[in-house]
Protein backbone atom coordinates (compact mmCIF):
# COMPACT_ATOMS: atom_id res chain seq x y z
CA MET A 1 0.00 0.00 0.00
CA THR A 2 1.13 3.55 -0.74
CA SER A 3 0.88 6.45 1.67
CA ILE A 4 0.16 9.85 0.11
CA LYS A 5 1.86 11.66 2.99
CA ASP A 6 5.32 12.80 1.86
CA ALA A 7 4.86 11.11 -1.54
CA VAL A 8 6.04 12.81 -4.72
CA VAL A 9 3.18 12.71 -7.21
CA LEU A 10 2.80 13.62 -10.87
CA VAL A 11 -0.72 14.38 -12.12
CA THR A 12 -1.27 14.66 -15.86
CA GLY A 13 -3.89 17.21 -16.80
CA GLY A 14 -3.43 18.78 -13.38
CA SER A 15 -4.54 22.34 -14.14
CA ARG A 16 -8.32 21.94 -14.20
CA GLY A 17 -11.28 19.65 -13.61
CA LEU A 18 -10.63 16.37 -11.83
CA GLY A 19 -6.86 16.82 -12.20
CA LYS A 20 -6.97 20.09 -10.27
CA ALA A 21 -9.11 18.46 -7.57
CA LEU A 22 -6.59 15.62 -7.31
CA VAL A 23 -3.75 18.09 -6.83
CA GLU A 24 -5.70 19.83 -4.07
CA GLU A 25 -6.56 16.55 -2.32
CA LEU A 26 -2.96 15.35 -2.55
CA TYR A 27 -1.73 18.41 -0.67
CA THR A 28 -4.57 18.05 1.85
CA ARG A 29 -3.22 14.56 2.59
CA GLY A 30 0.33 15.79 3.06
CA ALA A 31 2.00 14.98 -0.24
CA GLY A 32 5.60 16.14 -0.23
CA LYS A 33 5.53 17.46 -3.80
CA VAL A 34 2.99 17.44 -6.63
CA TYR A 35 3.94 17.99 -10.24
CA ALA A 36 0.83 19.29 -12.04
CA THR A 37 1.21 18.94 -15.79
CA ALA A 38 -0.51 20.82 -18.58
CA ARG A 39 0.18 21.69 -22.19
CA ASP A 40 0.61 25.25 -20.91
CA PRO A 41 2.05 25.09 -17.37
CA ARG A 42 0.98 28.69 -16.78
CA THR A 43 -2.58 27.37 -16.35
CA VAL A 44 -1.58 25.53 -13.15
CA THR A 45 -2.87 27.72 -10.32
CA HIS A 46 -2.27 25.73 -7.14
CA PRO A 47 0.26 27.77 -5.11
CA GLU A 48 2.29 24.76 -3.97
CA ALA A 49 2.16 22.62 -7.11
CA VAL A 50 5.16 22.37 -9.43
CA PRO A 51 3.93 23.27 -12.94
CA LEU A 52 5.31 21.04 -15.65
CA ALA A 53 4.77 21.22 -19.40
CA LEU A 54 3.54 17.95 -20.88
CA GLU A 55 1.85 16.83 -24.06
CA VAL A 56 1.12 13.17 -23.38
CA THR A 57 0.98 12.25 -27.07
CA ASP A 58 4.49 13.57 -27.76
CA PRO A 59 7.30 11.16 -26.80
CA HIS A 60 9.82 14.03 -26.62
CA SER A 61 7.59 15.99 -24.24
CA VAL A 62 7.07 12.89 -22.09
CA ALA A 63 10.82 12.25 -21.94
CA ALA A 64 11.48 15.86 -20.99
CA ALA A 65 8.92 15.70 -18.19
CA ALA A 66 10.47 12.49 -16.85
CA ALA A 67 13.90 14.14 -16.83
CA GLN A 68 12.50 17.07 -14.82
CA ALA A 69 10.68 14.88 -12.28
CA PRO A 70 13.17 12.18 -11.22
CA ASP A 71 11.75 11.91 -7.68
CA VAL A 72 8.20 10.75 -8.54
CA THR A 73 6.76 7.84 -6.53
CA VAL A 74 3.10 8.10 -7.57
CA LEU A 75 1.83 8.67 -11.12
CA ILE A 76 -1.75 9.73 -11.87
CA ASN A 77 -2.75 9.41 -15.53
CA ASN A 78 -5.69 11.80 -15.62
CA ALA A 79 -5.29 13.72 -18.90
CA GLY A 80 -7.88 12.86 -21.53
CA ILE A 81 -10.05 14.31 -24.26
CA SER A 82 -13.50 13.77 -25.75
CA LEU A 83 -14.04 15.07 -29.28
CA GLY A 84 -17.63 13.90 -29.55
CA ALA A 85 -16.83 11.16 -32.06
CA SER A 86 -19.91 9.21 -31.03
CA SER A 87 -20.50 7.52 -34.38
CA PHE A 88 -17.89 5.09 -35.67
CA LEU A 89 -19.53 5.27 -39.10
CA GLU A 90 -19.68 9.06 -39.42
CA ALA A 91 -17.10 10.68 -37.13
CA PRO A 92 -13.85 11.82 -38.77
CA VAL A 93 -11.29 9.05 -38.47
CA ASP A 94 -8.71 11.67 -37.48
CA ASP A 95 -10.83 12.51 -34.42
CA ILE A 96 -10.99 8.83 -33.45
CA ARG A 97 -7.23 8.51 -33.84
CA ARG A 98 -6.65 11.65 -31.76
CA GLU A 99 -8.81 10.31 -28.93
CA PHE A 100 -6.86 7.05 -28.92
CA GLU A 101 -3.54 8.91 -29.03
CA THR A 102 -4.50 10.92 -25.93
CA ASN A 103 -6.63 8.49 -23.91
CA PHE A 104 -4.78 5.21 -24.58
CA TYR A 105 -1.30 5.84 -25.97
CA GLY A 106 -0.78 8.93 -23.80
CA PRO A 107 -1.05 7.08 -20.47
CA LEU A 108 1.05 4.26 -21.92
CA LEU A 109 3.88 6.60 -22.92
CA VAL A 110 3.82 8.34 -19.54
CA THR A 111 3.72 5.08 -17.59
CA ARG A 112 6.61 3.63 -19.60
CA ALA A 113 8.66 6.77 -18.90
CA PHE A 114 7.96 6.89 -15.17
CA THR A 115 8.03 3.20 -14.28
CA PRO A 116 11.84 3.07 -13.97
CA ILE A 117 11.76 6.30 -11.95
CA ILE A 118 9.19 4.98 -9.48
CA GLU A 119 11.08 1.70 -9.26
CA ARG A 120 14.39 3.48 -8.53
CA ASN A 121 12.66 5.49 -5.82
CA GLY A 122 11.62 2.37 -3.96
CA GLY A 123 8.28 1.59 -5.60
CA GLY A 124 4.95 3.32 -5.48
CA HIS A 125 1.70 3.49 -7.37
CA VAL A 126 -0.02 4.30 -10.66
CA LEU A 127 -3.62 5.57 -10.81
CA ASN A 128 -5.35 5.52 -14.20
CA VAL A 129 -8.54 7.50 -14.68
CA HIS A 130 -11.06 5.42 -16.62
CA SER A 131 -14.81 5.94 -16.95
CA VAL A 132 -18.06 4.04 -16.58
CA LEU A 133 -17.93 4.23 -20.38
CA SER A 134 -15.07 1.72 -20.23
CA TRP A 135 -17.89 -0.82 -19.87
CA VAL A 136 -20.65 0.55 -22.11
CA GLY A 137 -20.22 1.57 -25.74
CA LEU A 138 -22.50 4.59 -25.64
CA ALA A 139 -19.94 7.21 -26.64
CA GLY A 140 -18.33 5.83 -29.76
CA SER A 141 -14.57 6.11 -29.82
CA TYR A 142 -14.37 7.72 -26.36
CA SER A 143 -15.92 4.56 -24.90
CA ALA A 144 -13.51 2.47 -26.96
CA THR A 145 -10.48 4.41 -25.73
CA LYS A 146 -11.53 4.00 -22.11
CA ALA A 147 -12.23 0.29 -22.61
CA ALA A 148 -8.75 -0.05 -24.08
CA LEU A 149 -7.25 1.88 -21.17
CA TRP A 150 -9.06 -0.40 -18.71
CA SER A 151 -7.47 -3.40 -20.42
CA GLN A 152 -4.09 -1.67 -20.42
CA THR A 153 -4.44 -1.02 -16.69
CA ASN A 154 -5.28 -4.65 -15.97
CA SER A 155 -2.23 -5.82 -17.92
CA LEU A 156 0.10 -3.27 -16.33
CA ARG A 157 -1.10 -4.26 -12.86
CA LEU A 158 0.28 -7.74 -13.47
CA GLU A 159 3.46 -6.49 -15.11
CA LEU A 160 4.29 -3.90 -12.44
CA SER A 161 3.54 -5.93 -9.34
CA SER A 162 7.00 -7.52 -9.34
CA ARG A 163 8.53 -4.04 -9.46
CA GLY A 164 6.84 -2.86 -6.29
CA ILE A 165 4.35 -0.65 -8.13
CA GLY A 166 0.63 -0.97 -7.45
CA VAL A 167 -1.98 -0.01 -10.05
CA THR A 168 -5.48 1.35 -9.42
CA GLY A 169 -8.16 2.06 -12.02
CA LEU A 170 -10.73 4.79 -11.30
CA HIS A 171 -14.19 4.47 -12.84
CA VAL A 172 -16.72 7.28 -12.62
CA GLY A 173 -19.70 8.62 -14.54
CA TYR A 174 -20.25 12.33 -15.12
CA VAL A 175 -18.06 14.67 -13.07
CA ASP A 176 -18.93 18.34 -12.73
CA THR A 177 -16.11 19.63 -14.92
CA ASP A 178 -15.77 21.52 -18.20
CA MET A 179 -15.85 18.25 -20.16
CA ALA A 180 -19.35 17.48 -18.87
CA SER A 181 -20.64 21.07 -18.83
CA SER A 182 -23.18 20.41 -21.60
CA VAL A 183 -24.57 17.25 -19.98
CA ASP A 184 -27.92 17.47 -18.20
CA ALA A 185 -27.54 14.59 -15.75
CA PRO A 186 -26.42 13.98 -12.16
CA LYS A 187 -22.73 14.74 -11.71
CA SER A 188 -20.21 13.96 -9.00
CA ARG A 189 -18.18 16.72 -7.41
CA PRO A 190 -14.52 16.59 -8.49
CA GLY A 191 -13.33 16.83 -4.89
CA ASP A 192 -15.43 13.85 -3.85
CA VAL A 193 -14.09 11.73 -6.72
CA ALA A 194 -10.51 12.78 -5.96
CA ALA A 195 -10.91 11.76 -2.31
CA LEU A 196 -12.31 8.34 -3.23
CA ALA A 197 -9.55 7.80 -5.80
CA LEU A 198 -6.79 8.54 -3.30
CA ASP A 199 -8.51 6.39 -0.68
CA GLY A 200 -8.16 3.59 -3.22
CA VAL A 201 -4.49 4.31 -3.84
CA GLU A 202 -3.72 4.28 -0.13
CA ALA A 203 -5.69 1.07 0.38
CA GLY A 204 -4.02 -0.63 -2.56
CA ALA A 205 -7.39 -1.13 -4.28
CA TYR A 206 -7.36 -2.57 -7.80
CA GLU A 207 -10.38 -0.49 -8.79
CA VAL A 208 -12.32 2.45 -7.41
CA LEU A 209 -15.98 2.75 -8.45
CA ALA A 210 -16.67 6.35 -7.54
CA ASP A 211 -20.43 6.59 -8.02
CA ASP A 212 -23.64 4.58 -8.15
CA ILE A 213 -23.75 4.36 -11.93
CA SER A 214 -20.25 2.85 -12.08
CA ARG A 215 -21.15 0.30 -9.43
CA THR A 216 -24.42 -0.58 -11.20
CA VAL A 217 -22.86 -0.96 -14.64
CA LYS A 218 -19.91 -3.01 -13.34
CA ALA A 219 -22.33 -5.35 -11.59
CA GLY A 220 -24.32 -5.69 -14.81
CA LEU A 221 -21.40 -6.88 -16.92
CA SER A 222 -22.16 -10.49 -16.05
CA GLY A 223 -25.78 -10.18 -17.17
CA ASP A 224 -27.53 -10.10 -20.51
CA LEU A 225 -26.37 -7.33 -22.85
CA ALA A 226 -29.92 -6.11 -23.29
CA ALA A 227 -29.88 -5.00 -19.64
CA LEU A 228 -27.02 -2.60 -20.44
CA TYR A 229 -28.37 -1.68 -23.86
CA PRO A 230 -32.20 -1.49 -23.63
CA GLN A 231 -32.40 -0.70 -27.36
CA LEU A 232 -31.34 -4.29 -28.03
CA ALA A 233 -34.24 -5.79 -26.08
CA GLY A 234 -36.80 -5.11 -28.79
CA GLN A 235 -34.52 -6.48 -31.50
CA ALA A 236 -33.96 -9.69 -29.58
CA ALA A 237 -37.69 -10.15 -29.14
CA SER A 238 -38.55 -9.65 -32.81
């Protein structure tokens, strides 16, 4: 298990939304240092955070960030995008590729860069931010990227265990951030999700299901698909 107190943490996408809430909660719990990354580090506003430029899709940027943060013991892969590519048949393929580059390959590049650092520093933890949409294909390529990230997390958990690095996956529905600003549905507060996520890291949890919808959908994965996709029920009956 990993204690947040005195830990050195890097949070991708740490300037706003859930990433900003994670930075705040990390300092509340006594983290020794928090690197908050952003494409433009000037957007990082937390007074104690160490701003760090990072474009997760750019291997050179990832390598530069790793060189500037050699003391990291906890990595939080939070950065992600949603371009609204909800239709695989109609959305621009470039948008689908861009979502995969950011939401799947981005965390992979960052984790590959920081694994040897965390290992050299005595071990630690990786937290990957997934979504309830990892389990339901209701958002086109965004759902697909989060499903792929979930699988990546499960594989990395096995691969990193022998290196003294734990891996937690965070699943959550809508969070009250800019990304979900146009959604008219119940939303979790970023601070609440951040607290649950870090509880999971400190407890060594494999997964954190941060809201009722994530718990309901996860429980439904063993059932009939029509329960998750009601639009299929009529087709099956016809």
